[in-house]
Amino acid sequence: MSPNLRSMLAAGEFVVAPGVFEMFSAKIADRMDFKALYMSGYGVSGSHLGLPDAGLVTYRDMVERARTIAQGTSKPLIADADTGFGGLINVRETVRGYEAAGVQAIQIEDQEMPKKCGHTPNRRVLPLADALKRIEVALEARASRDFLVIARTDARTGLGLDEAIKRGKAYAEAGADIIFVEAPESEDEFKRVGEALKGKAWLLANMVPTGKSPVLSAENLKFYGFSIAIYPSAGMGPACAALEASYKYLSQHGSTASSPVPAYDMQQLHTLVGFPEVWAFERRHVETK
């Protein structure tokens, strides 16, 4: 059973959660010294469908990927759920489905549908009253208070930081466990978010290199009042670069021999996916003496 994310946060632990999007990334990250993992909607949309994070991935796509990751790893899983994939009844179903899948924290944002990645332009948010209803329904739908509701606002880019902070306060007052103000545009803006919202709920920061926000150290984020930092592209960015380099070498040389691209050998891959357990089972039950 995974450690409890709520207990970690209540104890004052700072949680760094790398982005995972399929089982190679999830298993590798799970072996590291992280307290939690983050299932990236961008990563699932791109790796599973080959499509942009623009509201095209469905509830079923996401909940099944979340179930696979949660069951195949040992760390608490924080999972992106976009806008809840529809109206309020969809939000309820999404919360119930993610919780049953083994997710420990669900991220629901206040964008209009179809949503867009938080580090792309032209995002529009719901009126505040409608966004609050999403939070109300999400909180009502969960079976356990250990299943945490993350309320994300995308208001900063279109409506300014003051509106984003206002919404963060409103979502905290509505009962959201964690507040996520997306895309502050400077270190000072992260500091302002922390000053305004610290103590009202736990705060989450999204660290996306080359996105709209600067990448701050965990130490600084904690000092400013944040409790969680997610790194959605920490796996998919380097993975795509390595794939491109490896395939390019093969295309140019007609072989992977002497490729300079770092790579797992077959024994490492076998271990990662669990072949040693299969072989042990076969020795016990299948192989003849």
C-alpha atoms as a PDB file:
ATOM      1  CA  MET A   1       0.000   0.000   0.000  1.00  0.00           C
ATOM      2  CA  SER A   2       1.313   3.471  -0.906  1.00  0.00           C
ATOM      3  CA  PRO A   3       2.305   5.919   1.831  1.00  0.00           C
ATOM      4  CA  ASN A   4      -0.352   8.498   2.631  1.00  0.00           C
ATOM      5  CA  LEU A   5       0.075  11.858   0.889  1.00  0.00           C
ATOM      6  CA  ARG A   6      -2.159  13.735   3.327  1.00  0.00           C
ATOM      7  CA  SER A   7      -0.055  12.520   6.251  1.00  0.00           C
ATOM      8  CA  MET A   8       3.143  13.658   4.539  1.00  0.00           C
ATOM      9  CA  LEU A   9       1.773  17.134   3.926  1.00  0.00           C
ATOM     10  CA  ALA A  10       0.320  17.392   7.438  1.00  0.00           C
ATOM     11  CA  ALA A  11       3.757  16.534   8.813  1.00  0.00           C
ATOM     12  CA  GLY A  12       5.256  19.455   6.902  1.00  0.00           C
ATOM     13  CA  GLU A  13       7.159  17.367   4.356  1.00  0.00           C
ATOM     14  CA  PHE A  14       7.905  19.048   1.038  1.00  0.00           C
ATOM     15  CA  VAL A  15       6.881  16.809  -1.851  1.00  0.00           C
ATOM     16  CA  VAL A  16       8.743  16.800  -5.171  1.00  0.00           C
ATOM     17  CA  ALA A  17       6.744  14.801  -7.730  1.00  0.00           C
ATOM     18  CA  PRO A  18       8.227  13.985 -11.146  1.00  0.00           C
ATOM     19  CA  GLY A  19       5.933  13.710 -14.145  1.00  0.00           C
ATOM     20  CA  VAL A  20       5.143  10.179 -15.344  1.00  0.00           C
ATOM     21  CA  PHE A  21       2.999   9.227 -18.318  1.00  0.00           C
ATOM     22  CA  GLU A  22       3.366   5.472 -18.974  1.00  0.00           C
ATOM     23  CA  MET A  23       4.892   2.532 -17.168  1.00  0.00           C
ATOM     24  CA  PHE A  24       8.559   2.866 -18.148  1.00  0.00           C
ATOM     25  CA  SER A  25       8.591   6.415 -16.760  1.00  0.00           C
ATOM     26  CA  ALA A  26       6.471   5.443 -13.744  1.00  0.00           C
ATOM     27  CA  LYS A  27       8.600   2.439 -12.769  1.00  0.00           C
ATOM     28  CA  ILE A  28      11.871   4.323 -13.138  1.00  0.00           C
ATOM     29  CA  ALA A  29      10.614   7.294 -11.095  1.00  0.00           C
ATOM     30  CA  ASP A  30       9.140   4.947  -8.482  1.00  0.00           C
ATOM     31  CA  ARG A  31      12.605   3.510  -7.834  1.00  0.00           C
ATOM     32  CA  MET A  32      13.961   6.973  -6.995  1.00  0.00           C
ATOM     33  CA  ASP A  33      13.827   8.863  -3.706  1.00  0.00           C
ATOM     34  CA  PHE A  34      10.603  10.761  -4.471  1.00  0.00           C
ATOM     35  CA  LYS A  35       7.687  11.048  -2.070  1.00  0.00           C
ATOM     36  CA  ALA A  36       5.017  11.023  -4.824  1.00  0.00           C
ATOM     37  CA  LEU A  37       4.521  10.777  -8.587  1.00  0.00           C
ATOM     38  CA  TYR A  38       2.546  13.073 -10.876  1.00  0.00           C
ATOM     39  CA  MET A  39       0.566  11.713 -13.837  1.00  0.00           C
ATOM     40  CA  SER A  40       0.836  14.411 -16.480  1.00  0.00           C
ATOM     41  CA  GLY A  41      -2.186  15.059 -18.692  1.00  0.00           C
ATOM     42  CA  TYR A  42       0.131  16.504 -21.326  1.00  0.00           C
ATOM     43  CA  GLY A  43       2.251  13.361 -21.138  1.00  0.00           C
ATOM     44  CA  VAL A  44      -0.697  10.965 -21.368  1.00  0.00           C
ATOM     45  CA  SER A  45      -2.273  12.885 -24.253  1.00  0.00           C
ATOM     46  CA  GLY A  46       1.023  12.928 -26.130  1.00  0.00           C
ATOM     47  CA  SER A  47       2.299   9.423 -25.363  1.00  0.00           C
ATOM     48  CA  HIS A  48      -1.023   7.576 -25.523  1.00  0.00           C
ATOM     49  CA  LEU A  49      -2.808   9.444 -28.318  1.00  0.00           C
ATOM     50  CA  GLY A  50      -0.071  11.470 -30.002  1.00  0.00           C
ATOM     51  CA  LEU A  51      -2.253  14.549 -29.577  1.00  0.00           C
ATOM     52  CA  PRO A  52      -1.775  17.942 -27.897  1.00  0.00           C
ATOM     53  CA  ASP A  53      -3.004  18.637 -24.390  1.00  0.00           C
ATOM     54  CA  ALA A  54      -6.024  20.541 -25.675  1.00  0.00           C
ATOM     55  CA  GLY A  55      -8.989  18.717 -24.176  1.00  0.00           C
ATOM     56  CA  LEU A  56      -8.721  15.778 -26.590  1.00  0.00           C
ATOM     57  CA  VAL A  57      -7.842  13.071 -24.081  1.00  0.00           C
ATOM     58  CA  THR A  58     -10.936  11.474 -22.487  1.00  0.00           C
ATOM     59  CA  TYR A  59     -11.891  10.448 -18.975  1.00  0.00           C
ATOM     60  CA  ARG A  60     -11.560   6.790 -19.930  1.00  0.00           C
ATOM     61  CA  ASP A  61      -8.083   7.346 -21.389  1.00  0.00           C
ATOM     62  CA  MET A  62      -6.946   9.072 -18.219  1.00  0.00           C
ATOM     63  CA  VAL A  63      -8.559   6.924 -15.539  1.00  0.00           C
ATOM     64  CA  GLU A  64      -7.281   3.692 -17.067  1.00  0.00           C
ATOM     65  CA  ARG A  65      -3.762   5.099 -17.350  1.00  0.00           C
ATOM     66  CA  ALA A  66      -4.029   6.295 -13.733  1.00  0.00           C
ATOM     67  CA  ARG A  67      -5.171   2.852 -12.593  1.00  0.00           C
ATOM     68  CA  THR A  68      -2.263   1.156 -14.351  1.00  0.00           C
ATOM     69  CA  ILE A  69       0.288   3.566 -12.864  1.00  0.00           C
ATOM     70  CA  ALA A  70      -1.187   3.492  -9.348  1.00  0.00           C
ATOM     71  CA  GLN A  71      -1.302  -0.309  -9.265  1.00  0.00           C
ATOM     72  CA  GLY A  72       2.191  -0.668 -10.730  1.00  0.00           C
ATOM     73  CA  THR A  73       4.028   1.712  -8.387  1.00  0.00           C
ATOM     74  CA  SER A  74       4.532   2.190  -4.656  1.00  0.00           C
ATOM     75  CA  LYS A  75       4.418   5.996  -4.306  1.00  0.00           C
ATOM     76  CA  PRO A  76       1.303   8.169  -3.873  1.00  0.00           C
ATOM     77  CA  LEU A  77      -0.008   9.238  -7.279  1.00  0.00           C
ATOM     78  CA  ILE A  78      -1.162  12.795  -7.995  1.00  0.00           C
ATOM     79  CA  ALA A  79      -3.154  12.822 -11.234  1.00  0.00           C
ATOM     80  CA  ASP A  80      -4.284  15.479 -13.672  1.00  0.00           C
ATOM     81  CA  ALA A  81      -8.024  15.392 -14.401  1.00  0.00           C
ATOM     82  CA  ASP A  82      -8.291  18.505 -16.586  1.00  0.00           C
ATOM     83  CA  THR A  83     -11.742  20.116 -16.107  1.00  0.00           C
ATOM     84  CA  GLY A  84     -13.411  16.920 -14.931  1.00  0.00           C
ATOM     85  CA  PHE A  85     -14.149  15.897 -18.539  1.00  0.00           C
ATOM     86  CA  GLY A  86     -17.561  17.505 -18.893  1.00  0.00           C
ATOM     87  CA  GLY A  87     -20.342  18.920 -16.738  1.00  0.00           C
ATOM     88  CA  LEU A  88     -20.805  18.543 -13.012  1.00  0.00           C
ATOM     89  CA  ILE A  89     -22.031  14.955 -13.295  1.00  0.00           C
ATOM     90  CA  ASN A  90     -18.798  14.170 -15.153  1.00  0.00           C
ATOM     91  CA  VAL A  91     -16.779  15.791 -12.375  1.00  0.00           C
ATOM     92  CA  ARG A  92     -18.498  13.501  -9.877  1.00  0.00           C
ATOM     93  CA  GLU A  93     -17.776  10.413 -11.981  1.00  0.00           C
ATOM     94  CA  THR A  94     -14.173  11.498 -12.507  1.00  0.00           C
ATOM     95  CA  VAL A  95     -13.525  11.894  -8.787  1.00  0.00           C
ATOM     96  CA  ARG A  96     -15.099   8.535  -8.003  1.00  0.00           C
ATOM     97  CA  GLY A  97     -13.182   6.841 -10.804  1.00  0.00           C
ATOM     98  CA  TYR A  98      -9.796   8.302  -9.922  1.00  0.00           C
ATOM     99  CA  GLU A  99     -10.229   7.469  -6.244  1.00  0.00           C
ATOM    100  CA  ALA A 100     -11.228   3.880  -7.058  1.00  0.00           C
ATOM    101  CA  ALA A 101      -8.222   3.636  -9.384  1.00  0.00           C
ATOM    102  CA  GLY A 102      -5.836   4.282  -6.486  1.00  0.00           C
ATOM    103  CA  VAL A 103      -5.013   7.948  -7.094  1.00  0.00           C
ATOM    104  CA  GLN A 104      -4.375   9.953  -3.901  1.00  0.00           C
ATOM    105  CA  ALA A 105      -4.825  13.513  -5.233  1.00  0.00           C
ATOM    106  CA  ILE A 106      -6.861  14.732  -8.203  1.00  0.00           C
ATOM    107  CA  GLN A 107      -6.176  18.002 -10.039  1.00  0.00           C
ATOM    108  CA  ILE A 108      -9.244  19.827 -11.381  1.00  0.00           C
ATOM    109  CA  GLU A 109      -8.914  23.187 -13.099  1.00  0.00           C
ATOM    110  CA  ASP A 110     -11.205  26.152 -13.732  1.00  0.00           C
ATOM    111  CA  GLN A 111     -10.737  26.392 -17.489  1.00  0.00           C
ATOM    112  CA  GLU A 112     -13.593  26.311 -19.947  1.00  0.00           C
ATOM    113  CA  MET A 113     -13.851  23.214 -22.113  1.00  0.00           C
ATOM    114  CA  PRO A 114     -11.969  22.281 -24.177  1.00  0.00           C
ATOM    115  CA  LYS A 115      -9.055  23.041 -21.894  1.00  0.00           C
ATOM    116  CA  LYS A 116      -5.464  23.741 -22.960  1.00  0.00           C
ATOM    117  CA  CYS A 117      -2.066  23.137 -21.446  1.00  0.00           C
ATOM    118  CA  GLY A 118      -1.355  25.724 -18.756  1.00  0.00           C
ATOM    119  CA  HIS A 119       1.787  26.909 -20.523  1.00  0.00           C
ATOM    120  CA  THR A 120       0.107  27.682 -23.846  1.00  0.00           C
ATOM    121  CA  PRO A 121      -1.845  30.819 -24.855  1.00  0.00           C
ATOM    122  CA  ASN A 122      -5.591  31.506 -25.267  1.00  0.00           C
ATOM    123  CA  ARG A 123      -6.852  29.795 -22.129  1.00  0.00           C
ATOM    124  CA  ARG A 124     -10.238  30.911 -20.824  1.00  0.00           C
ATOM    125  CA  VAL A 125     -11.598  30.313 -17.332  1.00  0.00           C
ATOM    126  CA  LEU A 126     -15.116  29.760 -16.065  1.00  0.00           C
ATOM    127  CA  PRO A 127     -16.958  32.400 -14.045  1.00  0.00           C
ATOM    128  CA  LEU A 128     -15.933  32.001 -10.415  1.00  0.00           C
ATOM    129  CA  ALA A 129     -19.332  30.697  -9.285  1.00  0.00           C
ATOM    130  CA  ASP A 130     -19.211  27.902 -11.865  1.00  0.00           C
ATOM    131  CA  ALA A 131     -15.657  26.983 -10.917  1.00  0.00           C
ATOM    132  CA  LEU A 132     -16.682  26.781  -7.254  1.00  0.00           C
ATOM    133  CA  LYS A 133     -19.436  24.328  -8.157  1.00  0.00           C
ATOM    134  CA  ARG A 134     -16.801  22.023  -9.641  1.00  0.00           C
ATOM    135  CA  ILE A 135     -14.932  22.073  -6.336  1.00  0.00           C
ATOM    136  CA  GLU A 136     -18.129  21.527  -4.348  1.00  0.00           C
ATOM    137  CA  VAL A 137     -19.068  18.501  -6.448  1.00  0.00           C
ATOM    138  CA  ALA A 138     -15.544  17.071  -6.298  1.00  0.00           C
ATOM    139  CA  LEU A 139     -15.452  17.293  -2.505  1.00  0.00           C
ATOM    140  CA  GLU A 140     -18.909  15.781  -2.195  1.00  0.00           C
ATOM    141  CA  ALA A 141     -18.033  12.881  -4.512  1.00  0.00           C
ATOM    142  CA  ARG A 142     -14.954  11.558  -2.729  1.00  0.00           C
ATOM    143  CA  ALA A 143     -15.310   8.606  -0.392  1.00  0.00           C
ATOM    144  CA  SER A 144     -12.386   9.502   1.897  1.00  0.00           C
ATOM    145  CA  ARG A 145     -10.803  12.744   3.066  1.00  0.00           C
ATOM    146  CA  ASP A 146      -7.448  11.098   2.357  1.00  0.00           C
ATOM    147  CA  PHE A 147      -8.289  11.555  -1.329  1.00  0.00           C
ATOM    148  CA  LEU A 148      -7.105  15.124  -1.873  1.00  0.00           C
ATOM    149  CA  VAL A 149      -8.750  17.650  -4.190  1.00  0.00           C
ATOM    150  CA  ILE A 150      -6.377  20.035  -5.962  1.00  0.00           C
ATOM    151  CA  ALA A 151      -8.089  23.171  -7.257  1.00  0.00           C
ATOM    152  CA  ARG A 152      -6.135  24.734 -10.104  1.00  0.00           C
ATOM    153  CA  THR A 153      -6.758  28.189 -11.502  1.00  0.00           C
ATOM    154  CA  ASP A 154      -5.565  29.267 -14.945  1.00  0.00           C
ATOM    155  CA  ALA A 155      -6.659  32.873 -14.409  1.00  0.00           C
ATOM    156  CA  ARG A 156      -3.152  34.348 -14.207  1.00  0.00           C
ATOM    157  CA  THR A 157      -2.439  34.432 -17.932  1.00  0.00           C
ATOM    158  CA  GLY A 158      -5.700  36.009 -19.102  1.00  0.00           C
ATOM    159  CA  LEU A 159      -6.986  37.900 -16.056  1.00  0.00           C
ATOM    160  CA  GLY A 160      -3.875  38.673 -14.011  1.00  0.00           C
ATOM    161  CA  LEU A 161      -2.288  37.511 -10.780  1.00  0.00           C
ATOM    162  CA  ASP A 162      -4.728  39.331  -8.488  1.00  0.00           C
ATOM    163  CA  GLU A 163      -7.645  37.406  -9.990  1.00  0.00           C
ATOM    164  CA  ALA A 164      -5.713  34.145  -9.731  1.00  0.00           C
ATOM    165  CA  ILE A 165      -5.007  34.768  -6.034  1.00  0.00           C
ATOM    166  CA  LYS A 166      -8.636  35.737  -5.450  1.00  0.00           C
ATOM    167  CA  ARG A 167      -9.734  32.459  -6.968  1.00  0.00           C
ATOM    168  CA  GLY A 168      -7.157  30.508  -4.979  1.00  0.00           C
ATOM    169  CA  LYS A 169      -8.559  31.977  -1.768  1.00  0.00           C
ATOM    170  CA  ALA A 170     -12.120  31.176  -2.828  1.00  0.00           C
ATOM    171  CA  TYR A 171     -11.230  27.580  -3.678  1.00  0.00           C
ATOM    172  CA  ALA A 172      -9.496  27.150  -0.322  1.00  0.00           C
ATOM    173  CA  GLU A 173     -12.528  28.567   1.492  1.00  0.00           C
ATOM    174  CA  ALA A 174     -14.703  26.112  -0.453  1.00  0.00           C
ATOM    175  CA  GLY A 175     -12.676  23.255   1.029  1.00  0.00           C
ATOM    176  CA  ALA A 176     -10.085  22.344  -1.597  1.00  0.00           C
ATOM    177  CA  ASP A 177      -7.138  20.625   0.063  1.00  0.00           C
ATOM    178  CA  ILE A 178      -4.463  21.961  -2.285  1.00  0.00           C
ATOM    179  CA  ILE A 179      -4.382  25.182  -4.316  1.00  0.00           C
ATOM    180  CA  PHE A 180      -2.553  25.331  -7.633  1.00  0.00           C
ATOM    181  CA  VAL A 181      -2.107  28.775  -9.202  1.00  0.00           C
ATOM    182  CA  GLU A 182      -0.897  27.941 -12.689  1.00  0.00           C
ATOM    183  CA  ALA A 183       1.822  29.858 -14.524  1.00  0.00           C
ATOM    184  CA  PRO A 184       3.089  32.666 -12.258  1.00  0.00           C
ATOM    185  CA  GLU A 185       5.519  34.584 -14.452  1.00  0.00           C
ATOM    186  CA  SER A 186       8.320  35.472 -12.027  1.00  0.00           C
ATOM    187  CA  GLU A 187       9.843  34.434  -8.736  1.00  0.00           C
ATOM    188  CA  ASP A 188       8.185  37.454  -7.139  1.00  0.00           C
ATOM    189  CA  GLU A 189       4.801  36.200  -8.334  1.00  0.00           C
ATOM    190  CA  PHE A 190       5.411  32.824  -6.681  1.00  0.00           C
ATOM    191  CA  LYS A 191       6.324  34.716  -3.518  1.00  0.00           C
ATOM    192  CA  ARG A 192       3.089  36.750  -3.724  1.00  0.00           C
ATOM    193  CA  VAL A 193       1.024  33.593  -4.185  1.00  0.00           C
ATOM    194  CA  GLY A 194       2.666  32.034  -1.161  1.00  0.00           C
ATOM    195  CA  GLU A 195       2.163  35.118   0.994  1.00  0.00           C
ATOM    196  CA  ALA A 196      -1.491  35.402   0.029  1.00  0.00           C
ATOM    197  CA  LEU A 197      -2.478  31.742   0.337  1.00  0.00           C
ATOM    198  CA  LYS A 198      -0.118  30.212   2.907  1.00  0.00           C
ATOM    199  CA  GLY A 199      -2.096  28.592   5.707  1.00  0.00           C
ATOM    200  CA  LYS A 200      -5.364  28.527   3.768  1.00  0.00           C
ATOM    201  CA  ALA A 201      -4.514  25.216   2.047  1.00  0.00           C
ATOM    202  CA  TRP A 202      -1.431  23.389   0.884  1.00  0.00           C
ATOM    203  CA  LEU A 203       0.105  25.043  -2.184  1.00  0.00           C
ATOM    204  CA  LEU A 204       1.359  23.384  -5.350  1.00  0.00           C
ATOM    205  CA  ALA A 205       3.857  24.823  -7.826  1.00  0.00           C
ATOM    206  CA  ASN A 206       4.261  23.645 -11.412  1.00  0.00           C
ATOM    207  CA  MET A 207       7.860  23.623 -12.614  1.00  0.00           C
ATOM    208  CA  VAL A 208       8.004  23.547 -16.429  1.00  0.00           C
ATOM    209  CA  PRO A 209      11.388  24.493 -17.944  1.00  0.00           C
ATOM    210  CA  THR A 210      10.953  26.862 -20.929  1.00  0.00           C
ATOM    211  CA  GLY A 211       7.291  27.374 -19.965  1.00  0.00           C
ATOM    212  CA  LYS A 212       5.716  30.562 -18.623  1.00  0.00           C
ATOM    213  CA  SER A 213       7.139  30.199 -15.101  1.00  0.00           C
ATOM    214  CA  PRO A 214      10.729  30.284 -13.842  1.00  0.00           C
ATOM    215  CA  VAL A 215      12.018  27.035 -12.330  1.00  0.00           C
ATOM    216  CA  LEU A 216      12.669  27.596  -8.624  1.00  0.00           C
ATOM    217  CA  SER A 217      14.440  25.341  -6.163  1.00  0.00           C
ATOM    218  CA  ALA A 218      12.435  23.211  -3.772  1.00  0.00           C
ATOM    219  CA  GLU A 219      14.129  25.110  -0.947  1.00  0.00           C
ATOM    220  CA  ASN A 220      12.867  28.471  -2.226  1.00  0.00           C
ATOM    221  CA  LEU A 221       9.384  27.179  -2.943  1.00  0.00           C
ATOM    222  CA  LYS A 222       9.113  25.798   0.583  1.00  0.00           C
ATOM    223  CA  PHE A 223      10.337  29.119   1.971  1.00  0.00           C
ATOM    224  CA  TYR A 224       7.607  30.928   0.018  1.00  0.00           C
ATOM    225  CA  GLY A 225       4.934  28.661   1.515  1.00  0.00           C
ATOM    226  CA  PHE A 226       4.554  25.874  -1.036  1.00  0.00           C
ATOM    227  CA  SER A 227       4.238  22.208  -0.085  1.00  0.00           C
ATOM    228  CA  ILE A 228       4.386  20.404  -3.445  1.00  0.00           C
ATOM    229  CA  ALA A 229       6.345  20.919  -6.647  1.00  0.00           C
ATOM    230  CA  ILE A 230       5.425  18.925  -9.747  1.00  0.00           C
ATOM    231  CA  TYR A 231       7.761  18.472 -12.708  1.00  0.00           C
ATOM    232  CA  PRO A 232       5.519  17.245 -15.559  1.00  0.00           C
ATOM    233  CA  SER A 233       8.183  17.327 -18.277  1.00  0.00           C
ATOM    234  CA  ALA A 234      11.079  15.901 -16.248  1.00  0.00           C
ATOM    235  CA  GLY A 235      10.602  12.528 -17.928  1.00  0.00           C
ATOM    236  CA  MET A 236       8.972  13.180 -21.276  1.00  0.00           C
ATOM    237  CA  GLY A 237      11.352  15.940 -22.392  1.00  0.00           C
ATOM    238  CA  PRO A 238      14.567  13.930 -21.907  1.00  0.00           C
ATOM    239  CA  ALA A 239      12.877  10.736 -23.144  1.00  0.00           C
ATOM    240  CA  CYS A 240      11.868  12.375 -26.427  1.00  0.00           C
ATOM    241  CA  ALA A 241      15.364  13.806 -26.884  1.00  0.00           C
ATOM    242  CA  ALA A 242      16.943  10.386 -26.258  1.00  0.00           C
ATOM    243  CA  LEU A 243      14.535   8.644 -28.636  1.00  0.00           C
ATOM    244  CA  GLU A 244      15.250  11.158 -31.368  1.00  0.00           C
ATOM    245  CA  ALA A 245      19.009  10.835 -30.911  1.00  0.00           C
ATOM    246  CA  SER A 246      18.912   7.035 -30.880  1.00  0.00           C
ATOM    247  CA  TYR A 247      16.681   6.735 -33.929  1.00  0.00           C
ATOM    248  CA  LYS A 248      18.761   9.310 -35.777  1.00  0.00           C
ATOM    249  CA  TYR A 249      21.942   7.339 -35.069  1.00  0.00           C
ATOM    250  CA  LEU A 250      20.318   4.130 -36.333  1.00  0.00           C
ATOM    251  CA  SER A 251      19.046   5.893 -39.459  1.00  0.00           C
ATOM    252  CA  GLN A 252      22.474   7.302 -40.249  1.00  0.00           C
ATOM    253  CA  HIS A 253      24.597   4.246 -39.380  1.00  0.00           C
ATOM    254  CA  GLY A 254      22.310   1.317 -40.035  1.00  0.00           C
ATOM    255  CA  SER A 255      23.089  -0.071 -36.585  1.00  0.00           C
ATOM    256  CA  THR A 256      22.856   0.850 -32.914  1.00  0.00           C
ATOM    257  CA  ALA A 257      26.368  -0.467 -32.248  1.00  0.00           C
ATOM    258  CA  SER A 258      28.621   2.232 -30.718  1.00  0.00           C
ATOM    259  CA  SER A 259      25.718   4.661 -30.336  1.00  0.00           C
ATOM    260  CA  PRO A 260      26.658   7.431 -27.877  1.00  0.00           C
ATOM    261  CA  VAL A 261      23.067   7.645 -26.591  1.00  0.00           C
ATOM    262  CA  PRO A 262      22.774   6.283 -23.011  1.00  0.00           C
ATOM    263  CA  ALA A 263      20.570   3.192 -22.999  1.00  0.00           C
ATOM    264  CA  TYR A 264      19.363   0.418 -20.722  1.00  0.00           C
ATOM    265  CA  ASP A 265      20.694  -2.994 -21.738  1.00  0.00           C
ATOM    266  CA  MET A 266      18.320  -5.936 -21.983  1.00  0.00           C
ATOM    267  CA  GLN A 267      19.055  -7.123 -18.438  1.00  0.00           C
ATOM    268  CA  GLN A 268      18.131  -3.709 -17.062  1.00  0.00           C
ATOM    269  CA  LEU A 269      14.924  -3.702 -19.112  1.00  0.00           C
ATOM    270  CA  HIS A 270      14.082  -7.225 -17.949  1.00  0.00           C
ATOM    271  CA  THR A 271      14.524  -6.139 -14.319  1.00  0.00           C
ATOM    272  CA  LEU A 272      12.504  -2.962 -14.772  1.00  0.00           C
ATOM    273  CA  VAL A 273       9.453  -4.732 -16.185  1.00  0.00           C
ATOM    274  CA  GLY A 274       9.572  -7.643 -13.733  1.00  0.00           C
ATOM    275  CA  PHE A 275      10.973 -10.626 -15.621  1.00  0.00           C
ATOM    276  CA  PRO A 276      12.924 -11.920 -12.572  1.00  0.00           C
ATOM    277  CA  GLU A 277       9.617 -12.562 -10.801  1.00  0.00           C
ATOM    278  CA  VAL A 278       8.298 -14.390 -13.882  1.00  0.00           C
ATOM    279  CA  TRP A 279      11.414 -16.556 -14.021  1.00  0.00           C
ATOM    280  CA  ALA A 280      11.145 -17.339 -10.294  1.00  0.00           C
ATOM    281  CA  PHE A 281       7.510 -18.359 -10.797  1.00  0.00           C
ATOM    282  CA  GLU A 282       8.476 -20.624 -13.687  1.00  0.00           C
ATOM    283  CA  ARG A 283      11.203 -22.275 -11.616  1.00  0.00           C
ATOM    284  CA  ARG A 284       8.635 -23.065  -8.916  1.00  0.00           C
ATOM    285  CA  HIS A 285       5.716 -24.155 -11.046  1.00  0.00           C
ATOM    286  CA  VAL A 286       6.596 -24.698 -14.701  1.00  0.00           C
ATOM    287  CA  GLU A 287      10.090 -25.976 -15.255  1.00  0.00           C
ATOM    288  CA  THR A 288      10.562 -29.713 -15.092  1.00  0.00           C
ATOM    289  CA  LYS A 289      13.275 -31.159 -12.944  1.00  0.00           C
END
